N, C-alpha and C. Protein backbone atom coordinates (compact mmCIF):
# COMPACT_ATOMS: atom_id res chain seq x y z
N MET A 1 -14.53 -15.44 14.05
CA MET A 1 -13.34 -14.61 14.09
C MET A 1 -12.90 -14.40 15.54
N THR A 2 -11.62 -14.41 15.73
CA THR A 2 -11.08 -14.25 17.07
C THR A 2 -10.63 -12.82 17.35
N GLY A 3 -10.54 -11.99 16.32
CA GLY A 3 -10.12 -10.61 16.52
C GLY A 3 -8.65 -10.37 16.25
N TYR A 4 -7.92 -11.40 15.87
CA TYR A 4 -6.51 -11.22 15.54
C TYR A 4 -6.37 -10.56 14.18
N PRO A 5 -5.32 -9.77 13.96
CA PRO A 5 -5.17 -9.10 12.66
C PRO A 5 -5.03 -10.08 11.50
N TRP A 6 -4.46 -11.24 11.71
CA TRP A 6 -4.26 -12.19 10.61
C TRP A 6 -5.54 -12.98 10.29
N ASP A 7 -6.59 -12.82 11.11
CA ASP A 7 -7.85 -13.50 10.85
C ASP A 7 -8.76 -12.71 9.92
N ARG A 8 -8.52 -11.43 9.76
CA ARG A 8 -9.41 -10.65 8.91
C ARG A 8 -9.04 -10.81 7.44
N ARG A 9 -10.01 -10.58 6.59
CA ARG A 9 -9.82 -10.73 5.14
C ARG A 9 -9.22 -9.45 4.58
N ILE A 10 -8.40 -9.58 3.58
CA ILE A 10 -7.78 -8.43 2.93
C ILE A 10 -8.39 -8.27 1.54
N ARG A 11 -8.68 -7.04 1.19
CA ARG A 11 -9.27 -6.78 -0.12
C ARG A 11 -8.18 -6.88 -1.20
N ARG A 12 -8.61 -7.15 -2.41
CA ARG A 12 -7.69 -7.30 -3.54
C ARG A 12 -6.89 -6.03 -3.77
N ARG A 13 -7.55 -4.89 -3.69
CA ARG A 13 -6.89 -3.61 -3.92
C ARG A 13 -5.80 -3.35 -2.87
N ASP A 14 -6.10 -3.67 -1.61
CA ASP A 14 -5.11 -3.49 -0.55
C ASP A 14 -3.94 -4.45 -0.73
N PHE A 15 -4.22 -5.66 -1.17
CA PHE A 15 -3.16 -6.63 -1.42
C PHE A 15 -2.24 -6.15 -2.55
N LEU A 16 -2.81 -5.59 -3.61
CA LEU A 16 -2.01 -5.09 -4.73
C LEU A 16 -1.18 -3.88 -4.31
N LYS A 17 -1.75 -3.00 -3.49
CA LYS A 17 -0.99 -1.85 -2.98
C LYS A 17 0.20 -2.31 -2.15
N LEU A 18 -0.04 -3.26 -1.28
CA LEU A 18 1.02 -3.79 -0.44
C LEU A 18 2.12 -4.43 -1.27
N GLY A 19 1.72 -5.22 -2.27
CA GLY A 19 2.72 -5.86 -3.13
C GLY A 19 3.52 -4.85 -3.93
N ALA A 20 2.86 -3.80 -4.44
CA ALA A 20 3.57 -2.76 -5.20
C ALA A 20 4.53 -2.00 -4.29
N GLY A 21 4.11 -1.73 -3.07
CA GLY A 21 4.99 -1.04 -2.12
C GLY A 21 6.21 -1.86 -1.76
N LEU A 22 6.01 -3.14 -1.54
CA LEU A 22 7.14 -4.02 -1.22
C LEU A 22 8.08 -4.17 -2.41
N ALA A 23 7.54 -4.24 -3.61
CA ALA A 23 8.39 -4.34 -4.80
C ALA A 23 9.21 -3.07 -5.00
N ALA A 24 8.58 -1.92 -4.79
CA ALA A 24 9.30 -0.66 -4.94
C ALA A 24 10.38 -0.51 -3.87
N ALA A 25 10.07 -0.91 -2.65
CA ALA A 25 11.05 -0.80 -1.56
C ALA A 25 12.22 -1.75 -1.77
N SER A 26 11.97 -2.91 -2.33
CA SER A 26 13.07 -3.85 -2.54
C SER A 26 13.95 -3.43 -3.72
N ALA A 27 13.44 -2.58 -4.61
CA ALA A 27 14.22 -2.14 -5.76
C ALA A 27 15.16 -0.99 -5.39
N LEU A 28 14.94 -0.34 -4.25
CA LEU A 28 15.79 0.78 -3.84
C LEU A 28 17.11 0.28 -3.27
N PRO A 29 18.18 1.04 -3.44
CA PRO A 29 19.45 0.65 -2.82
C PRO A 29 19.36 0.73 -1.30
N ALA A 30 20.16 -0.05 -0.63
CA ALA A 30 20.07 -0.17 0.83
C ALA A 30 20.45 1.12 1.54
N GLY A 31 21.45 1.84 1.07
CA GLY A 31 21.92 3.04 1.75
C GLY A 31 21.29 4.32 1.26
N LEU A 32 20.14 4.24 0.62
CA LEU A 32 19.53 5.43 0.03
C LEU A 32 19.10 6.44 1.08
N PHE A 33 18.61 5.98 2.21
CA PHE A 33 18.07 6.88 3.21
C PHE A 33 19.02 7.11 4.38
N ASP A 34 20.29 6.85 4.20
CA ASP A 34 21.26 7.08 5.25
C ASP A 34 21.73 8.53 5.18
N VAL A 35 20.96 9.43 5.78
CA VAL A 35 21.21 10.86 5.66
C VAL A 35 22.47 11.26 6.41
N LYS A 36 22.72 10.66 7.57
CA LYS A 36 23.90 11.03 8.36
C LYS A 36 25.18 10.75 7.58
N ARG A 37 25.25 9.61 6.92
CA ARG A 37 26.44 9.29 6.14
C ARG A 37 26.57 10.21 4.93
N ALA A 38 25.46 10.56 4.31
CA ALA A 38 25.50 11.46 3.15
C ALA A 38 25.94 12.86 3.56
N LEU A 39 25.49 13.33 4.73
CA LEU A 39 25.94 14.64 5.20
C LEU A 39 27.43 14.63 5.54
N ALA A 40 27.89 13.54 6.15
CA ALA A 40 29.31 13.45 6.50
C ALA A 40 30.19 13.37 5.26
N ALA A 41 29.70 12.74 4.20
CA ALA A 41 30.47 12.61 2.97
C ALA A 41 30.42 13.88 2.13
N GLY A 42 29.54 14.82 2.48
CA GLY A 42 29.44 16.06 1.71
C GLY A 42 28.55 15.95 0.50
N VAL A 43 27.78 14.88 0.40
CA VAL A 43 26.88 14.72 -0.74
C VAL A 43 25.69 15.66 -0.61
N LEU A 44 25.14 15.78 0.61
CA LEU A 44 24.02 16.68 0.86
C LEU A 44 24.54 18.00 1.43
N ARG A 45 23.88 19.08 1.05
CA ARG A 45 24.27 20.39 1.59
C ARG A 45 23.52 20.65 2.88
N GLN A 46 24.10 21.44 3.76
CA GLN A 46 23.46 21.84 4.99
C GLN A 46 22.41 22.90 4.71
N PRO A 47 21.37 23.02 5.54
CA PRO A 47 20.37 24.07 5.34
C PRO A 47 21.03 25.45 5.39
N GLY A 48 20.66 26.30 4.44
CA GLY A 48 21.19 27.65 4.38
C GLY A 48 22.49 27.78 3.60
N SER A 49 23.04 26.68 3.11
CA SER A 49 24.28 26.77 2.36
C SER A 49 24.00 27.15 0.90
N LEU A 50 24.99 27.68 0.24
CA LEU A 50 24.85 28.10 -1.15
C LEU A 50 25.21 26.94 -2.08
N PRO A 51 24.56 26.86 -3.25
CA PRO A 51 24.91 25.79 -4.18
C PRO A 51 26.32 25.93 -4.74
N PHE A 52 26.78 27.16 -4.93
CA PHE A 52 28.14 27.42 -5.39
C PHE A 52 28.78 28.39 -4.40
N PRO A 53 29.44 27.90 -3.37
CA PRO A 53 29.95 28.79 -2.31
C PRO A 53 31.05 29.74 -2.78
N ASN A 54 31.70 29.46 -3.91
CA ASN A 54 32.78 30.33 -4.39
C ASN A 54 32.26 31.53 -5.16
N ARG A 55 30.98 31.54 -5.51
CA ARG A 55 30.40 32.64 -6.27
C ARG A 55 29.58 33.53 -5.35
N PRO A 56 29.49 34.83 -5.65
CA PRO A 56 28.66 35.70 -4.82
C PRO A 56 27.17 35.39 -5.02
N ALA A 57 26.41 35.51 -3.94
CA ALA A 57 24.98 35.17 -3.99
C ALA A 57 24.20 36.26 -4.71
N GLY A 58 23.29 35.87 -5.61
CA GLY A 58 22.40 36.79 -6.28
C GLY A 58 23.00 37.54 -7.45
N VAL A 59 24.21 37.23 -7.83
CA VAL A 59 24.85 37.90 -8.95
C VAL A 59 24.77 36.99 -10.16
N PRO A 60 24.23 37.48 -11.30
CA PRO A 60 24.17 36.61 -12.48
C PRO A 60 25.56 36.28 -13.00
N GLN A 61 25.66 35.11 -13.60
CA GLN A 61 26.93 34.64 -14.13
C GLN A 61 26.83 34.55 -15.66
N PRO A 62 26.97 35.66 -16.40
CA PRO A 62 26.79 35.61 -17.85
C PRO A 62 27.87 34.80 -18.57
N ASP A 63 29.01 34.60 -17.93
CA ASP A 63 30.06 33.81 -18.59
C ASP A 63 29.70 32.33 -18.64
N LEU A 64 28.84 31.86 -17.71
CA LEU A 64 28.46 30.45 -17.69
C LEU A 64 27.26 30.16 -18.60
N ALA A 65 26.31 31.09 -18.66
CA ALA A 65 25.12 30.90 -19.50
C ALA A 65 24.72 32.25 -20.08
N PRO A 66 25.36 32.69 -21.16
CA PRO A 66 25.07 34.02 -21.70
C PRO A 66 23.64 34.15 -22.23
N GLU A 67 23.02 33.05 -22.65
CA GLU A 67 21.65 33.15 -23.15
C GLU A 67 20.65 33.42 -22.04
N LEU A 68 21.01 33.18 -20.79
CA LEU A 68 20.12 33.42 -19.66
C LEU A 68 20.34 34.78 -19.00
N ALA A 69 21.33 35.52 -19.45
CA ALA A 69 21.67 36.79 -18.79
C ALA A 69 20.61 37.85 -19.01
N ASN A 70 19.83 37.79 -20.10
CA ASN A 70 18.86 38.84 -20.40
C ASN A 70 17.45 38.51 -19.91
N ILE A 71 17.26 37.46 -19.15
CA ILE A 71 15.93 37.10 -18.64
C ILE A 71 15.62 37.97 -17.43
N ASP A 72 14.48 38.67 -17.50
CA ASP A 72 14.06 39.51 -16.39
C ASP A 72 12.93 38.87 -15.58
N HIS A 73 12.00 38.19 -16.27
CA HIS A 73 10.84 37.62 -15.60
C HIS A 73 10.57 36.21 -16.11
N ILE A 74 10.03 35.39 -15.22
CA ILE A 74 9.56 34.07 -15.59
C ILE A 74 8.09 34.01 -15.19
N ILE A 75 7.24 33.70 -16.15
CA ILE A 75 5.80 33.64 -15.91
C ILE A 75 5.35 32.19 -16.00
N ILE A 76 4.64 31.75 -14.98
CA ILE A 76 4.12 30.38 -14.94
C ILE A 76 2.61 30.46 -14.98
N VAL A 77 1.99 29.77 -15.94
CA VAL A 77 0.54 29.74 -16.07
C VAL A 77 0.05 28.41 -15.52
N MET A 78 -0.85 28.49 -14.54
CA MET A 78 -1.42 27.28 -13.95
C MET A 78 -2.93 27.35 -14.10
N MET A 79 -3.52 26.36 -14.74
CA MET A 79 -4.96 26.32 -14.95
C MET A 79 -5.43 24.87 -14.77
N GLU A 80 -6.73 24.73 -14.64
CA GLU A 80 -7.28 23.39 -14.62
C GLU A 80 -7.17 22.80 -16.01
N ASN A 81 -7.25 21.51 -16.11
CA ASN A 81 -7.01 20.82 -17.36
C ASN A 81 -7.98 21.25 -18.46
N HIS A 82 -9.26 21.32 -18.16
CA HIS A 82 -10.26 21.69 -19.18
C HIS A 82 -10.03 23.13 -19.65
N SER A 83 -9.77 24.05 -18.71
CA SER A 83 -9.54 25.44 -19.07
C SER A 83 -8.27 25.58 -19.89
N PHE A 84 -7.25 24.84 -19.53
CA PHE A 84 -5.98 24.90 -20.25
C PHE A 84 -6.17 24.43 -21.69
N ASP A 85 -6.92 23.36 -21.91
CA ASP A 85 -7.16 22.85 -23.25
C ASP A 85 -7.93 23.85 -24.11
N ASN A 86 -8.91 24.52 -23.52
CA ASN A 86 -9.70 25.48 -24.28
C ASN A 86 -8.95 26.77 -24.56
N TYR A 87 -8.07 27.16 -23.66
CA TYR A 87 -7.35 28.42 -23.82
C TYR A 87 -6.25 28.30 -24.87
N PHE A 88 -5.48 27.23 -24.80
CA PHE A 88 -4.36 27.06 -25.71
C PHE A 88 -4.75 26.18 -26.88
């Protein structure tokens, strides 16, 4: 071995990872990560901006979703898989 990167052997698992990564990258559209153009076009919101700037912040909108107007709390249960299976 001469010490060059192309002289070393590659494992099968690493080769499959590399191939999957290249296949996934080639399937993406070319302009997907062009953030500057997306910000200029107004597709992305600026940090700190509101999702609906015409509506007041923090005020419920019962006319848009009346079934959600009476929700006071949302409870999320997070458990490990085995504990979750035994509990429920």
